[in-house]
Amino acid sequence: MSRLDDIEIFTRVVDAGGFSAAARAMGVSKSHVSKRVRALEARLDTQLLRRSTRQLDLTEVGEAFYVRTTKVLADLQAAEETVAALQGRPMGTLRLSVPVSFGLRYLADAVADFLQAHPQLDVDMAFEDRKVHLLEEGYDLAIRVGSLPDSSLMGRRLAAMPGAIFGAPAFFERHGRPEHPNDLRELPCLLYSYQASGRAWSFRDAAGETLRVPVDGPLTTNHGDALLAAARRGLGLTYAPAFLACADVRSGALAPCLEAWCQDNGAVWAVYPPARHVAPKVRSFIDFLVERFADPPWGDVL
């Protein structure tokens, strides 16, 4: 193996916190990893790692070497991606942030299919509902659901994503079906913690005027699936995008209401930092998702 290969193995051991974890991540044996690190130490004529049965620590020399080599490897990957960009080929690692519920339902399989079509690419996918800072946190791309606020980011619309108020048939039998958004003031509602408008839901009338209605109820949570579980039990009404509620609507567990007022023009978006030349790995993945969601599986719900 080359000197560079040994250096990369050394950094993988440090990043993984041990030989076994690094070997599993690389798909090789622990003995192979240990042998290559020993060969690197012999070439440098110094000890880089202190080994014990419980932990692995960098020596002072190893710490300095690790700092320099990680930069060298990052520069090398950037150089390779520059060449790939000039040739139009996707390669390298695509760092991706996706919302939890949508990601598990629709993006986990999509990413697996994308990787099969592009074996020269790696994907580092984080499931998180918070709005990550793409540049500061080193993400290439984020998938977001809803309305896209004004920002310096570039955005491409992947598919329409309407939303509505959903409730269980038993709830409507007990409380009646709301006919106007103001009816929600007197009804128990189930609230999403990350909603930008707080404890109020926004609607639009036929003239396009916005109506904000304060709502309250027995449950506030940061996970949409928990809201749907409570709604299925008849504990209240909840606002949800179509992708989240479509299975419950088809099964009859939930039904929409006030659809004519829920004209928020939501969508699924791919957002990425502005750049003079969009990296092929980013452009290829976005193009793949546009085709994937050309006929979205939630399209018949609302």
Protein backbone atom coordinates (compact mmCIF):
# COMPACT_ATOMS: atom_id res chain seq x y z
CA MET A 1 0.00 0.00 0.00
CA SER A 2 1.09 3.60 -0.55
CA ARG A 3 2.19 6.03 2.13
CA LEU A 4 -1.01 8.00 1.54
CA ASP A 5 -3.13 4.89 2.12
CA ASP A 6 -1.43 4.33 5.48
CA ILE A 7 -2.00 7.95 6.47
CA GLU A 8 -5.69 7.69 5.59
CA ILE A 9 -6.02 4.51 7.67
CA PHE A 10 -4.33 6.25 10.60
CA THR A 11 -6.80 9.17 10.45
CA ARG A 12 -9.74 6.76 10.20
CA VAL A 13 -8.54 5.00 13.36
CA VAL A 14 -8.35 8.31 15.23
CA ASP A 15 -11.76 9.47 13.94
CA ALA A 16 -13.40 6.15 14.83
CA GLY A 17 -11.75 5.97 18.25
CA GLY A 18 -10.19 2.55 17.76
CA PHE A 19 -8.90 -0.11 15.39
CA SER A 20 -12.02 -2.28 15.47
CA ALA A 21 -14.42 0.57 14.67
CA ALA A 22 -12.18 1.82 11.87
CA ALA A 23 -11.88 -1.67 10.41
CA ARG A 24 -15.66 -2.10 10.39
CA ALA A 25 -16.14 1.28 8.71
CA MET A 26 -13.60 0.41 5.99
CA GLY A 27 -14.75 -3.19 5.55
CA VAL A 28 -11.34 -4.72 6.33
CA SER A 29 -9.89 -6.76 9.19
CA LYS A 30 -8.67 -5.25 12.43
CA SER A 31 -5.28 -6.91 11.92
CA HIS A 32 -4.90 -5.20 8.54
CA VAL A 33 -5.61 -1.78 10.07
CA SER A 34 -3.19 -2.41 12.95
CA LYS A 35 -0.49 -3.60 10.55
CA ARG A 36 -0.75 -0.50 8.37
CA VAL A 37 -0.56 1.87 11.36
CA ARG A 38 2.51 0.03 12.65
CA ALA A 39 4.08 0.33 9.21
CA LEU A 40 3.41 4.08 9.23
CA GLU A 41 4.97 4.44 12.68
CA ALA A 42 8.00 2.43 11.54
CA ARG A 43 8.41 4.65 8.48
CA LEU A 44 8.24 7.77 10.65
CA ASP A 45 10.36 6.15 13.37
CA THR A 46 7.99 7.38 16.09
CA GLN A 47 4.94 6.31 18.09
CA LEU A 48 1.72 7.98 16.98
CA LEU A 49 -0.78 6.12 19.16
CA ARG A 50 -0.77 4.82 22.73
CA ARG A 51 -2.64 1.54 22.82
CA SER A 52 -4.33 -0.04 25.84
CA THR A 53 -7.15 -2.51 26.37
CA ARG A 54 -9.55 0.33 27.26
CA GLN A 55 -8.68 3.28 25.10
CA LEU A 56 -6.60 4.71 22.31
CA ASP A 57 -4.75 8.01 22.73
CA LEU A 58 -2.64 10.15 20.45
CA THR A 59 0.92 10.89 21.49
CA GLU A 60 2.08 14.49 21.26
CA VAL A 61 3.73 13.72 17.94
CA GLY A 62 0.63 11.80 16.83
CA GLU A 63 -1.61 14.78 17.62
CA ALA A 64 0.53 17.12 15.51
CA PHE A 65 0.71 14.57 12.70
CA TYR A 66 -3.08 14.03 12.76
CA VAL A 67 -3.81 17.77 12.47
CA ARG A 68 -1.58 18.12 9.41
CA THR A 69 -2.66 14.90 7.69
CA THR A 70 -6.39 15.60 8.00
CA LYS A 71 -5.82 18.90 6.20
CA VAL A 72 -3.76 17.15 3.51
CA LEU A 73 -6.50 14.57 2.95
CA ALA A 74 -9.20 17.26 2.85
CA ASP A 75 -7.17 19.23 0.29
CA LEU A 76 -6.71 16.08 -1.77
CA GLN A 77 -10.45 15.40 -1.82
CA ALA A 78 -11.13 19.00 -2.78
CA ALA A 79 -8.62 18.69 -5.63
CA GLU A 80 -10.29 15.51 -6.86
CA GLU A 81 -13.70 17.18 -6.72
CA THR A 82 -12.34 20.13 -8.70
CA VAL A 83 -11.21 17.75 -11.45
CA ALA A 84 -14.55 15.96 -11.30
CA ALA A 85 -16.37 19.29 -11.59
CA LEU A 86 -14.38 20.16 -14.70
CA GLN A 87 -15.27 16.78 -16.17
CA GLY A 88 -18.87 16.86 -14.95
CA ARG A 89 -18.58 13.63 -12.92
CA PRO A 90 -20.08 13.30 -9.41
CA MET A 91 -17.58 11.99 -6.87
CA GLY A 92 -16.43 12.48 -3.28
CA THR A 93 -18.70 12.67 -0.22
CA LEU A 94 -22.11 14.35 -0.31
CA ARG A 95 -22.97 15.73 3.14
CA LEU A 96 -26.74 15.86 3.41
CA SER A 97 -29.19 17.11 6.08
CA VAL A 98 -32.76 15.77 5.92
CA PRO A 99 -35.86 16.16 8.13
CA VAL A 100 -36.51 13.08 10.25
CA SER A 101 -40.02 11.96 9.25
CA PHE A 102 -39.72 12.81 5.56
CA GLY A 103 -36.19 11.42 5.42
CA LEU A 104 -37.11 8.05 6.88
CA ARG A 105 -40.19 7.68 4.69
CA TYR A 106 -38.85 8.85 1.36
CA LEU A 107 -35.13 9.66 1.36
CA ALA A 108 -33.52 6.59 2.96
CA ASP A 109 -34.49 4.38 -0.01
CA ALA A 110 -33.82 7.21 -2.46
CA VAL A 111 -30.25 7.65 -1.21
CA ALA A 112 -29.65 3.88 -1.39
CA ASP A 113 -30.82 3.86 -5.02
CA PHE A 114 -28.68 6.92 -5.80
CA LEU A 115 -25.58 5.25 -4.34
CA GLN A 116 -26.16 2.15 -6.43
CA ALA A 117 -26.24 4.35 -9.53
CA HIS A 118 -23.13 6.29 -8.43
CA PRO A 119 -20.72 3.87 -6.71
CA GLN A 120 -17.90 6.45 -6.82
CA LEU A 121 -19.87 8.65 -4.39
CA ASP A 122 -20.31 8.48 -0.60
CA VAL A 123 -23.23 10.07 1.24
CA ASP A 124 -23.07 11.32 4.83
CA MET A 125 -26.76 11.80 5.73
CA ALA A 126 -27.91 13.41 9.00
CA PHE A 127 -31.54 13.16 10.13
CA GLU A 128 -32.49 16.34 12.01
CA ASP A 129 -35.51 18.64 12.08
CA ARG A 130 -33.57 21.77 13.03
CA LYS A 131 -32.49 24.20 10.33
CA VAL A 132 -28.77 23.54 9.94
CA HIS A 133 -26.35 26.27 8.82
CA LEU A 134 -25.03 24.70 5.64
CA LEU A 135 -21.79 26.66 5.33
CA GLU A 136 -20.82 26.71 9.00
CA GLU A 137 -21.60 23.02 9.53
CA GLY A 138 -20.10 21.80 6.28
CA TYR A 139 -23.23 20.50 4.55
CA ASP A 140 -23.46 20.36 0.76
CA LEU A 141 -27.23 20.15 0.64
CA ALA A 142 -30.35 20.13 2.82
CA ILE A 143 -33.87 18.89 2.10
CA ARG A 144 -36.61 21.04 3.61
CA VAL A 145 -40.39 20.72 3.65
CA GLY A 146 -42.76 23.69 3.73
CA SER A 147 -42.38 27.28 2.62
CA LEU A 148 -38.88 28.44 1.80
CA PRO A 149 -38.01 31.68 3.63
CA ASP A 150 -35.88 34.37 2.05
CA SER A 151 -32.19 33.57 2.46
CA SER A 152 -28.88 33.60 0.63
CA LEU A 153 -29.24 29.89 -0.14
CA MET A 154 -30.13 28.51 -3.54
CA GLY A 155 -33.28 26.42 -3.65
CA ARG A 156 -34.83 24.03 -6.14
CA ARG A 157 -38.43 22.86 -5.79
CA LEU A 158 -38.66 19.06 -5.87
CA ALA A 159 -42.42 18.57 -5.46
CA ALA A 160 -45.58 20.23 -4.20
CA MET A 161 -46.41 19.54 -0.54
CA PRO A 162 -49.88 20.72 0.48
CA GLY A 163 -50.95 20.61 4.11
CA ALA A 164 -54.22 20.51 6.02
CA ILE A 165 -55.79 20.09 9.45
CA PHE A 166 -56.38 16.42 10.25
CA GLY A 167 -58.54 14.72 12.84
CA ALA A 168 -59.94 11.29 13.67
CA PRO A 169 -63.55 10.42 12.71
CA ALA A 170 -64.32 9.92 16.42
CA PHE A 171 -63.10 13.47 17.12
CA PHE A 172 -65.43 14.92 14.50
CA GLU A 173 -68.33 12.90 15.92
CA ARG A 174 -67.76 14.40 19.39
CA HIS A 175 -66.86 17.97 18.47
CA GLY A 176 -68.23 18.46 14.98
CA ARG A 177 -66.22 19.38 11.91
CA PRO A 178 -64.85 22.97 11.93
CA GLU A 179 -66.23 25.07 9.10
CA HIS A 180 -64.07 28.16 9.64
CA PRO A 181 -60.52 28.53 11.04
CA ASN A 182 -61.87 30.57 13.96
CA ASP A 183 -63.70 27.43 15.15
CA LEU A 184 -60.28 26.07 16.15
CA ARG A 185 -60.10 28.55 19.04
CA GLU A 186 -62.59 26.35 20.93
CA LEU A 187 -61.15 22.96 19.92
CA PRO A 188 -58.19 21.01 21.32
CA CYS A 189 -55.23 21.18 18.93
CA LEU A 190 -51.93 19.30 18.79
CA LEU A 191 -48.92 21.54 18.16
CA TYR A 192 -45.54 21.17 16.47
CA SER A 193 -42.68 22.71 18.48
CA TYR A 194 -40.65 23.89 15.50
CA GLN A 195 -43.54 25.73 13.83
CA ALA A 196 -42.29 29.21 13.00
CA SER A 197 -45.59 30.89 13.87
CA GLY A 198 -45.65 29.48 17.40
CA ARG A 199 -49.02 28.67 18.97
CA ALA A 200 -51.00 29.93 15.99
CA TRP A 201 -51.94 28.46 12.64
CA SER A 202 -52.05 30.55 9.47
CA PHE A 203 -54.75 30.29 6.80
CA ARG A 204 -55.68 32.13 3.62
CA ASP A 205 -59.15 33.13 2.50
CA ALA A 206 -60.42 33.15 -1.07
CA ALA A 207 -59.03 36.67 -1.57
CA GLY A 208 -55.56 35.58 -0.49
CA GLU A 209 -55.69 37.39 2.86
CA THR A 210 -53.83 35.71 5.73
CA LEU A 211 -55.72 34.77 8.88
CA ARG A 212 -53.79 33.78 12.02
CA VAL A 213 -55.69 31.75 14.58
CA PRO A 214 -54.33 31.12 18.09
CA VAL A 215 -54.61 27.43 19.02
CA ASP A 216 -53.94 25.36 22.11
CA GLY A 217 -54.29 21.80 23.30
CA PRO A 218 -52.97 18.88 25.32
CA LEU A 219 -49.81 18.06 23.34
CA THR A 220 -46.85 20.00 21.96
CA THR A 221 -43.96 18.00 20.49
CA ASN A 222 -41.11 18.29 18.01
CA HIS A 223 -42.05 15.12 16.10
CA GLY A 224 -44.86 14.94 13.56
CA ASP A 225 -45.45 11.21 14.01
CA ALA A 226 -46.22 11.78 17.71
CA LEU A 227 -48.82 14.39 16.73
CA LEU A 228 -50.48 11.97 14.32
CA ALA A 229 -50.53 9.22 16.96
CA ALA A 230 -52.39 11.55 19.34
CA ALA A 231 -54.73 12.68 16.55
CA ARG A 232 -55.60 9.06 15.74
CA ARG A 233 -56.67 8.65 19.38
CA GLY A 234 -59.04 11.59 19.01
CA LEU A 235 -57.09 13.87 21.36
CA GLY A 236 -57.22 16.84 19.02
CA LEU A 237 -56.69 18.27 15.57
CA THR A 238 -53.23 18.69 14.10
CA TYR A 239 -51.75 20.45 11.10
CA ALA A 240 -49.64 18.13 8.94
CA PRO A 241 -48.14 18.04 5.45
CA ALA A 242 -49.66 15.53 3.06
CA PHE A 243 -46.65 13.17 3.10
CA LEU A 244 -47.05 12.67 6.85
CA ALA A 245 -50.79 12.02 6.92
CA CYS A 246 -51.33 10.20 3.63
CA ALA A 247 -51.23 6.64 5.05
CA ASP A 248 -53.70 7.52 7.83
CA VAL A 249 -56.05 9.22 5.37
CA ARG A 250 -56.03 6.19 3.08
CA SER A 251 -56.72 3.84 5.99
CA GLY A 252 -59.53 6.04 7.31
CA ALA A 253 -57.78 6.71 10.62
CA LEU A 254 -57.67 10.47 9.88
CA ALA A 255 -59.55 12.86 7.64
CA PRO A 256 -58.69 16.40 6.50
CA CYS A 257 -60.73 19.49 7.20
CA LEU A 258 -60.57 23.20 6.28
CA GLU A 259 -58.72 22.21 3.09
CA ALA A 260 -59.93 25.31 1.22
CA TRP A 261 -58.24 27.53 3.83
CA CYS A 262 -54.88 25.69 3.90
CA GLN A 263 -53.37 27.28 0.81
CA ASP A 264 -49.81 27.70 2.04
CA ASN A 265 -48.15 26.59 -1.23
CA GLY A 266 -45.80 24.24 0.65
CA ALA A 267 -43.23 22.19 -1.22
CA VAL A 268 -40.23 19.93 -0.82
CA TRP A 269 -37.04 21.88 -1.47
CA ALA A 270 -33.39 21.09 -2.03
CA VAL A 271 -31.33 24.00 -0.69
CA TYR A 272 -27.59 24.52 -1.08
CA PRO A 273 -25.02 27.30 -0.67
CA PRO A 274 -24.63 29.64 -3.64
CA ALA A 275 -21.65 28.85 -5.84
CA ARG A 276 -20.42 29.85 -9.25
CA HIS A 277 -20.29 26.19 -10.24
CA VAL A 278 -22.57 23.72 -8.46
CA ALA A 279 -20.62 20.55 -7.67
CA PRO A 280 -21.62 17.58 -9.86
CA LYS A 281 -22.44 15.49 -6.77
CA VAL A 282 -24.97 18.13 -5.66
CA ARG A 283 -26.43 18.70 -9.11
CA SER A 284 -26.72 14.96 -9.80
CA PHE A 285 -28.51 14.24 -6.53
CA ILE A 286 -30.98 17.10 -7.01
CA ASP A 287 -31.73 15.96 -10.57
CA PHE A 288 -32.25 12.44 -9.23
CA LEU A 289 -34.76 13.68 -6.62
CA VAL A 290 -36.66 15.81 -9.14
CA GLU A 291 -37.23 12.70 -11.22
CA ARG A 292 -37.96 10.60 -8.12
CA PHE A 293 -40.75 12.91 -6.94
CA ALA A 294 -42.20 13.76 -10.34
CA ASP A 295 -45.27 11.74 -9.29
CA PRO A 296 -45.18 12.07 -5.49
CA PRO A 297 -46.75 9.23 -3.47
CA TRP A 298 -48.73 11.73 -1.37
CA GLY A 299 -50.22 13.50 -4.40
CA ASP A 300 -53.73 12.05 -4.11
CA VAL A 301 -54.36 13.00 -0.47
CA LEU A 302 -55.41 16.66 -0.79
